[in-house]
Amino acid sequence: MPDWRADYLTSLQEAERNNPVNKDLVDACSQLADRVAALEAEKASWQGSKPALALSEKPPASKVTSTADAASSDANTVQIKLELAEALRSKGQLQSRLKVAEGELQKLRSKTKVDNKRISDLTIERNTLMAKLKDRNEELVGKNKMLKDIQDENLTLNIQLDVMEQKVAKVAAENKELVDRWMKRMRHEADAMNIENETPSSRSRR
């Protein structure tokens, strides 16, 4: 009989290494394998001892004793067969469960692979966006500094413009005053010249 238990346990141990979730299943299969081995050993021992017993035993004392021994042997045989059948049935169920578990494990591995690829892509995208955001922040800092410099320059120019306007107003006032004084002086001089240019007759009439 091929040693299917060793192959079966090897596959279970491999599945356990790949997926520790199946620990309960592996333990159950191990117990089942141990039970089957014990039953097979018991069966082999019983079958091996039967011819020896047949040779060493004295002829049955009575027909009733022989019938009782045969019935007992038949009952043991039936019990062992029932236990073997139950073990084989349990083995089939466990194999089916193992197949389902391996299928689920494969699905999870595929999903994990896809998820890892997605995580890797998202990580690359995040790093790219963070680099762009850093560049944009630096650009905004530079533009804010430039805007502040322009505002400071405008403030300085406005102050200078106010000073210049005050100076222009002062010069304009001084010019107006000079023009007024010059015009007043010109009027005085014109009046004086008119008086000097008057004829003697005009003076006498006065």
C-alpha atoms as a PDB file:
ATOM      1  CA  MET A   1       0.000   0.000   0.000  1.00  0.00           C
ATOM      2  CA  PRO A   2       1.525   3.357  -0.960  1.00  0.00           C
ATOM      3  CA  ASP A   3       2.477   5.647   1.946  1.00  0.00           C
ATOM      4  CA  TRP A   4      -0.108   8.337   1.190  1.00  0.00           C
ATOM      5  CA  ARG A   5       0.063   9.657   4.735  1.00  0.00           C
ATOM      6  CA  ALA A   6       3.609  10.969   4.305  1.00  0.00           C
ATOM      7  CA  ASP A   7       2.704  12.774   1.072  1.00  0.00           C
ATOM      8  CA  TYR A   8      -0.503  14.070   2.612  1.00  0.00           C
ATOM      9  CA  LEU A   9       1.253  15.371   5.730  1.00  0.00           C
ATOM     10  CA  THR A  10       3.984  16.928   3.607  1.00  0.00           C
ATOM     11  CA  SER A  11       1.400  18.814   1.547  1.00  0.00           C
ATOM     12  CA  LEU A  12      -0.377  19.898   4.731  1.00  0.00           C
ATOM     13  CA  GLN A  13       2.859  21.127   6.265  1.00  0.00           C
ATOM     14  CA  GLU A  14       3.629  23.053   3.091  1.00  0.00           C
ATOM     15  CA  ALA A  15       0.152  24.588   3.175  1.00  0.00           C
ATOM     16  CA  GLU A  16       0.653  25.468   6.842  1.00  0.00           C
ATOM     17  CA  ARG A  17       3.933  27.232   6.098  1.00  0.00           C
ATOM     18  CA  ASN A  18       2.231  29.227   3.352  1.00  0.00           C
ATOM     19  CA  ASN A  19      -0.936  29.911   5.335  1.00  0.00           C
ATOM     20  CA  PRO A  20      -0.802  29.619   9.149  1.00  0.00           C
ATOM     21  CA  VAL A  21      -4.590  30.101   9.260  1.00  0.00           C
ATOM     22  CA  ASN A  22      -4.998  26.367   8.455  1.00  0.00           C
ATOM     23  CA  LYS A  23      -3.389  25.257  11.743  1.00  0.00           C
ATOM     24  CA  ASP A  24      -6.608  23.674  13.048  1.00  0.00           C
ATOM     25  CA  LEU A  25      -7.059  21.794   9.785  1.00  0.00           C
ATOM     26  CA  VAL A  26      -3.477  20.535   9.862  1.00  0.00           C
ATOM     27  CA  ASP A  27      -3.867  19.386  13.463  1.00  0.00           C
ATOM     28  CA  ALA A  28      -7.079  17.510  12.588  1.00  0.00           C
ATOM     29  CA  CYS A  29      -5.437  15.859   9.600  1.00  0.00           C
ATOM     30  CA  SER A  30      -2.446  14.864  11.704  1.00  0.00           C
ATOM     31  CA  GLN A  31      -4.719  13.290  14.302  1.00  0.00           C
ATOM     32  CA  LEU A  32      -6.639  11.498  11.554  1.00  0.00           C
ATOM     33  CA  ALA A  33      -3.425  10.166  10.026  1.00  0.00           C
ATOM     34  CA  ASP A  34      -2.291   8.947  13.441  1.00  0.00           C
ATOM     35  CA  ARG A  35      -5.650   7.221  13.953  1.00  0.00           C
ATOM     36  CA  VAL A  36      -5.555   5.566  10.548  1.00  0.00           C
ATOM     37  CA  ALA A  37      -1.986   4.371  11.180  1.00  0.00           C
ATOM     38  CA  ALA A  38      -3.015   2.914  14.520  1.00  0.00           C
ATOM     39  CA  LEU A  39      -5.990   1.126  12.955  1.00  0.00           C
ATOM     40  CA  GLU A  40      -3.888  -0.264  10.139  1.00  0.00           C
ATOM     41  CA  ALA A  41      -1.263  -1.437  12.623  1.00  0.00           C
ATOM     42  CA  GLU A  42      -3.985  -3.064  14.717  1.00  0.00           C
ATOM     43  CA  LYS A  43      -5.439  -4.707  11.620  1.00  0.00           C
ATOM     44  CA  ALA A  44      -2.024  -5.987  10.482  1.00  0.00           C
ATOM     45  CA  SER A  45      -1.300  -7.291  13.967  1.00  0.00           C
ATOM     46  CA  TRP A  46      -4.654  -9.029  14.139  1.00  0.00           C
ATOM     47  CA  GLN A  47      -4.262 -10.578  10.675  1.00  0.00           C
ATOM     48  CA  GLY A  48      -0.704 -11.704  11.476  1.00  0.00           C
ATOM     49  CA  SER A  49      -1.666 -13.264  14.773  1.00  0.00           C
ATOM     50  CA  LYS A  50      -4.690 -15.099  13.418  1.00  0.00           C
ATOM     51  CA  PRO A  51      -2.762 -17.990  11.699  1.00  0.00           C
ATOM     52  CA  ALA A  52      -0.499 -18.365  14.725  1.00  0.00           C
ATOM     53  CA  LEU A  53      -3.469 -18.573  16.979  1.00  0.00           C
ATOM     54  CA  ALA A  54      -5.024 -21.131  14.691  1.00  0.00           C
ATOM     55  CA  LEU A  55      -1.908 -23.346  14.922  1.00  0.00           C
ATOM     56  CA  SER A  56      -1.243 -22.938  18.622  1.00  0.00           C
ATOM     57  CA  GLU A  57      -4.784 -23.227  19.879  1.00  0.00           C
ATOM     58  CA  LYS A  58      -6.069 -26.600  20.945  1.00  0.00           C
ATOM     59  CA  PRO A  59      -9.092 -27.938  19.172  1.00  0.00           C
ATOM     60  CA  PRO A  60     -12.196 -26.186  20.420  1.00  0.00           C
ATOM     61  CA  ALA A  61     -13.744 -27.790  23.443  1.00  0.00           C
ATOM     62  CA  SER A  62     -17.173 -27.409  22.053  1.00  0.00           C
ATOM     63  CA  LYS A  63     -19.035 -26.110  19.070  1.00  0.00           C
ATOM     64  CA  VAL A  64     -20.453 -23.250  21.156  1.00  0.00           C
ATOM     65  CA  THR A  65     -16.961 -21.939  22.034  1.00  0.00           C
ATOM     66  CA  SER A  66     -15.829 -22.067  18.385  1.00  0.00           C
ATOM     67  CA  THR A  67     -18.941 -20.200  17.300  1.00  0.00           C
ATOM     68  CA  ALA A  68     -18.398 -17.548  19.986  1.00  0.00           C
ATOM     69  CA  ASP A  69     -14.773 -16.988  18.914  1.00  0.00           C
ATOM     70  CA  ALA A  70     -15.780 -16.699  15.274  1.00  0.00           C
ATOM     71  CA  ALA A  71     -18.504 -14.228  16.166  1.00  0.00           C
ATOM     72  CA  SER A  72     -16.056 -12.175  18.224  1.00  0.00           C
ATOM     73  CA  SER A  73     -13.545 -12.128  15.355  1.00  0.00           C
ATOM     74  CA  ASP A  74     -16.251 -11.108  12.902  1.00  0.00           C
ATOM     75  CA  ALA A  75     -17.338  -8.328  15.225  1.00  0.00           C
ATOM     76  CA  ASN A  76     -13.771  -7.030  15.503  1.00  0.00           C
ATOM     77  CA  THR A  77     -13.388  -7.199  11.752  1.00  0.00           C
ATOM     78  CA  VAL A  78     -16.616  -5.291  11.206  1.00  0.00           C
ATOM     79  CA  GLN A  79     -15.583  -2.680  13.801  1.00  0.00           C
ATOM     80  CA  ILE A  80     -12.203  -2.186  12.165  1.00  0.00           C
ATOM     81  CA  LYS A  81     -13.796  -1.911   8.727  1.00  0.00           C
ATOM     82  CA  LEU A  82     -16.250   0.644  10.070  1.00  0.00           C
ATOM     83  CA  GLU A  83     -13.440   2.643  11.644  1.00  0.00           C
ATOM     84  CA  LEU A  84     -11.399   2.465   8.433  1.00  0.00           C
ATOM     85  CA  ALA A  85     -14.413   3.589   6.408  1.00  0.00           C
ATOM     86  CA  GLU A  86     -14.969   6.472   8.807  1.00  0.00           C
ATOM     87  CA  ALA A  87     -11.295   7.410   8.606  1.00  0.00           C
ATOM     88  CA  LEU A  88     -11.396   7.349   4.804  1.00  0.00           C
ATOM     89  CA  ARG A  89     -14.578   9.429   4.804  1.00  0.00           C
ATOM     90  CA  SER A  90     -12.987  11.966   7.148  1.00  0.00           C
ATOM     91  CA  LYS A  91      -9.899  11.955   4.944  1.00  0.00           C
ATOM     92  CA  GLY A  92     -12.031  12.813   1.907  1.00  0.00           C
ATOM     93  CA  GLN A  93     -13.774  15.621   3.766  1.00  0.00           C
ATOM     94  CA  LEU A  94     -10.471  17.029   4.964  1.00  0.00           C
ATOM     95  CA  GLN A  95      -9.035  16.810   1.460  1.00  0.00           C
ATOM     96  CA  SER A  96     -12.045  18.730   0.148  1.00  0.00           C
ATOM     97  CA  ARG A  97     -11.638  21.354   2.853  1.00  0.00           C
ATOM     98  CA  LEU A  98      -7.931  21.540   2.126  1.00  0.00           C
ATOM     99  CA  LYS A  99      -8.633  22.054  -1.576  1.00  0.00           C
ATOM    100  CA  VAL A 100     -11.078  24.850  -0.757  1.00  0.00           C
ATOM    101  CA  ALA A 101      -8.572  26.400   1.643  1.00  0.00           C
ATOM    102  CA  GLU A 102      -5.828  26.220  -0.981  1.00  0.00           C
ATOM    103  CA  GLY A 103      -8.157  27.870  -3.505  1.00  0.00           C
ATOM    104  CA  GLU A 104      -8.951  30.656  -1.051  1.00  0.00           C
ATOM    105  CA  LEU A 105      -5.251  30.998  -0.287  1.00  0.00           C
ATOM    106  CA  GLN A 106      -4.475  31.358  -3.992  1.00  0.00           C
ATOM    107  CA  LYS A 107      -7.192  33.988  -4.340  1.00  0.00           C
ATOM    108  CA  LEU A 108      -5.820  35.885  -1.362  1.00  0.00           C
ATOM    109  CA  ARG A 109      -2.313  35.690  -2.773  1.00  0.00           C
ATOM    110  CA  SER A 110      -3.543  37.040  -6.128  1.00  0.00           C
ATOM    111  CA  LYS A 111      -5.500  39.782  -4.387  1.00  0.00           C
ATOM    112  CA  THR A 112      -2.477  40.607  -2.231  1.00  0.00           C
ATOM    113  CA  LYS A 113      -0.323  40.846  -5.338  1.00  0.00           C
ATOM    114  CA  VAL A 114      -2.823  43.208  -6.965  1.00  0.00           C
ATOM    115  CA  ASP A 115      -3.125  45.230  -3.758  1.00  0.00           C
ATOM    116  CA  ASN A 116       0.657  45.466  -3.449  1.00  0.00           C
ATOM    117  CA  LYS A 117       0.878  46.684  -7.049  1.00  0.00           C
ATOM    118  CA  ARG A 118      -1.844  49.241  -6.354  1.00  0.00           C
ATOM    119  CA  ILE A 119      -0.087  50.362  -3.158  1.00  0.00           C
ATOM    120  CA  SER A 120       3.182  50.707  -5.076  1.00  0.00           C
ATOM    121  CA  ASP A 121       1.494  52.784  -7.799  1.00  0.00           C
ATOM    122  CA  LEU A 122      -0.250  54.973  -5.224  1.00  0.00           C
ATOM    123  CA  THR A 123       3.008  55.434  -3.333  1.00  0.00           C
ATOM    124  CA  ILE A 124       4.763  56.582  -6.510  1.00  0.00           C
ATOM    125  CA  GLU A 125       1.852  58.909  -7.311  1.00  0.00           C
ATOM    126  CA  ARG A 126       1.885  60.289  -3.757  1.00  0.00           C
ATOM    127  CA  ASN A 127       5.632  60.932  -3.903  1.00  0.00           C
ATOM    128  CA  THR A 128       5.211  62.698  -7.253  1.00  0.00           C
ATOM    129  CA  LEU A 129       2.377  64.852  -5.906  1.00  0.00           C
ATOM    130  CA  MET A 130       4.355  65.653  -2.769  1.00  0.00           C
ATOM    131  CA  ALA A 131       7.315  66.758  -4.903  1.00  0.00           C
ATOM    132  CA  LYS A 132       5.023  68.928  -7.043  1.00  0.00           C
ATOM    133  CA  LEU A 133       3.387  70.355  -3.913  1.00  0.00           C
ATOM    134  CA  LYS A 134       6.805  71.165  -2.474  1.00  0.00           C
ATOM    135  CA  ASP A 135       7.777  72.952  -5.703  1.00  0.00           C
ATOM    136  CA  ARG A 136       4.473  74.839  -5.697  1.00  0.00           C
ATOM    137  CA  ASN A 137       4.966  75.881  -2.061  1.00  0.00           C
ATOM    138  CA  GLU A 138       8.452  77.137  -2.855  1.00  0.00           C
ATOM    139  CA  GLU A 139       7.046  79.003  -5.853  1.00  0.00           C
ATOM    140  CA  LEU A 140       4.335  80.575  -3.692  1.00  0.00           C
ATOM    141  CA  VAL A 141       6.913  81.583  -1.089  1.00  0.00           C
ATOM    142  CA  GLY A 142       8.988  83.234  -3.818  1.00  0.00           C
ATOM    143  CA  LYS A 143       5.962  85.022  -5.275  1.00  0.00           C
ATOM    144  CA  ASN A 144       4.829  86.184  -1.837  1.00  0.00           C
ATOM    145  CA  LYS A 145       8.301  87.585  -1.198  1.00  0.00           C
ATOM    146  CA  MET A 146       8.266  89.285  -4.605  1.00  0.00           C
ATOM    147  CA  LEU A 147       4.823  90.745  -3.860  1.00  0.00           C
ATOM    148  CA  LYS A 148       6.015  92.040  -0.493  1.00  0.00           C
ATOM    149  CA  ASP A 149       9.062  93.603  -2.146  1.00  0.00           C
ATOM    150  CA  ILE A 150       6.827  95.275  -4.738  1.00  0.00           C
ATOM    151  CA  GLN A 151       4.473  96.545  -2.028  1.00  0.00           C
ATOM    152  CA  ASP A 152       7.432  97.926  -0.060  1.00  0.00           C
ATOM    153  CA  GLU A 153       8.770  99.559  -3.223  1.00  0.00           C
ATOM    154  CA  ASN A 154       5.362 101.058  -3.985  1.00  0.00           C
ATOM    155  CA  LEU A 155       5.158 102.398  -0.449  1.00  0.00           C
ATOM    156  CA  THR A 156       8.592 103.968  -0.820  1.00  0.00           C
ATOM    157  CA  LEU A 157       7.640 105.467  -4.187  1.00  0.00           C
ATOM    158  CA  ASN A 158       4.401 106.845  -2.735  1.00  0.00           C
ATOM    159  CA  ILE A 159       6.326 108.473   0.100  1.00  0.00           C
ATOM    160  CA  GLN A 160       8.791 109.923  -2.373  1.00  0.00           C
ATOM    161  CA  LEU A 161       5.893 111.111  -4.537  1.00  0.00           C
ATOM    162  CA  ASP A 162       4.277 112.832  -1.548  1.00  0.00           C
ATOM    163  CA  VAL A 163       7.570 114.547  -0.755  1.00  0.00           C
ATOM    164  CA  MET A 164       7.951 115.633  -4.374  1.00  0.00           C
ATOM    165  CA  GLU A 165       4.364 116.889  -4.478  1.00  0.00           C
ATOM    166  CA  GLN A 166       5.013 118.892  -1.326  1.00  0.00           C
ATOM    167  CA  LYS A 167       8.167 120.315  -2.871  1.00  0.00           C
ATOM    168  CA  VAL A 168       6.317 121.146  -6.108  1.00  0.00           C
ATOM    169  CA  ALA A 169       3.569 122.827  -4.139  1.00  0.00           C
ATOM    170  CA  LYS A 170       6.124 124.824  -2.196  1.00  0.00           C
ATOM    171  CA  VAL A 171       7.985 125.850  -5.382  1.00  0.00           C
ATOM    172  CA  ALA A 172       4.670 126.754  -7.026  1.00  0.00           C
ATOM    173  CA  ALA A 173       3.759 128.929  -4.036  1.00  0.00           C
ATOM    174  CA  GLU A 174       7.159 130.591  -4.107  1.00  0.00           C
ATOM    175  CA  ASN A 175       6.855 131.175  -7.859  1.00  0.00           C
ATOM    176  CA  LYS A 176       3.390 132.669  -7.407  1.00  0.00           C
ATOM    177  CA  GLU A 177       4.688 134.938  -4.690  1.00  0.00           C
ATOM    178  CA  LEU A 178       7.605 135.991  -6.879  1.00  0.00           C
ATOM    179  CA  VAL A 179       5.263 136.608  -9.826  1.00  0.00           C
ATOM    180  CA  ASP A 180       2.922 138.630  -7.644  1.00  0.00           C
ATOM    181  CA  ARG A 181       5.797 140.689  -6.310  1.00  0.00           C
ATOM    182  CA  TRP A 182       7.166 141.129  -9.805  1.00  0.00           C
ATOM    183  CA  MET A 183       3.758 142.168 -11.143  1.00  0.00           C
ATOM    184  CA  LYS A 184       3.306 144.612  -8.263  1.00  0.00           C
ATOM    185  CA  ARG A 185       6.715 146.041  -8.930  1.00  0.00           C
ATOM    186  CA  MET A 186       5.973 146.336 -12.625  1.00  0.00           C
ATOM    187  CA  ARG A 187       2.733 148.172 -11.855  1.00  0.00           C
ATOM    188  CA  HIS A 188       4.592 150.604  -9.637  1.00  0.00           C
ATOM    189  CA  GLU A 189       7.199 151.187 -12.288  1.00  0.00           C
ATOM    190  CA  ALA A 190       4.539 151.647 -14.963  1.00  0.00           C
ATOM    191  CA  ASP A 191       2.688 154.134 -12.802  1.00  0.00           C
ATOM    192  CA  ALA A 192       5.905 156.030 -12.197  1.00  0.00           C
ATOM    193  CA  MET A 193       6.707 156.138 -15.905  1.00  0.00           C
ATOM    194  CA  ASN A 194       3.194 157.325 -16.688  1.00  0.00           C
ATOM    195  CA  ILE A 195       3.536 160.113 -14.190  1.00  0.00           C
ATOM    196  CA  GLU A 196       6.870 161.198 -15.639  1.00  0.00           C
ATOM    197  CA  ASN A 197       5.520 161.100 -19.166  1.00  0.00           C
ATOM    198  CA  GLU A 198       2.561 163.355 -18.438  1.00  0.00           C
ATOM    199  CA  THR A 199       2.635 166.775 -20.285  1.00  0.00           C
ATOM    200  CA  PRO A 200       3.043 170.054 -18.360  1.00  0.00           C
ATOM    201  CA  SER A 201      -0.418 171.143 -19.398  1.00  0.00           C
ATOM    202  CA  SER A 202      -1.903 168.065 -17.881  1.00  0.00           C
ATOM    203  CA  ARG A 203      -0.061 168.770 -14.702  1.00  0.00           C
ATOM    204  CA  SER A 204      -1.232 172.414 -14.641  1.00  0.00           C
ATOM    205  CA  ARG A 205      -4.830 171.358 -15.116  1.00  0.00           C
ATOM    206  CA  ARG A 206      -4.491 169.295 -12.092  1.00  0.00           C
END
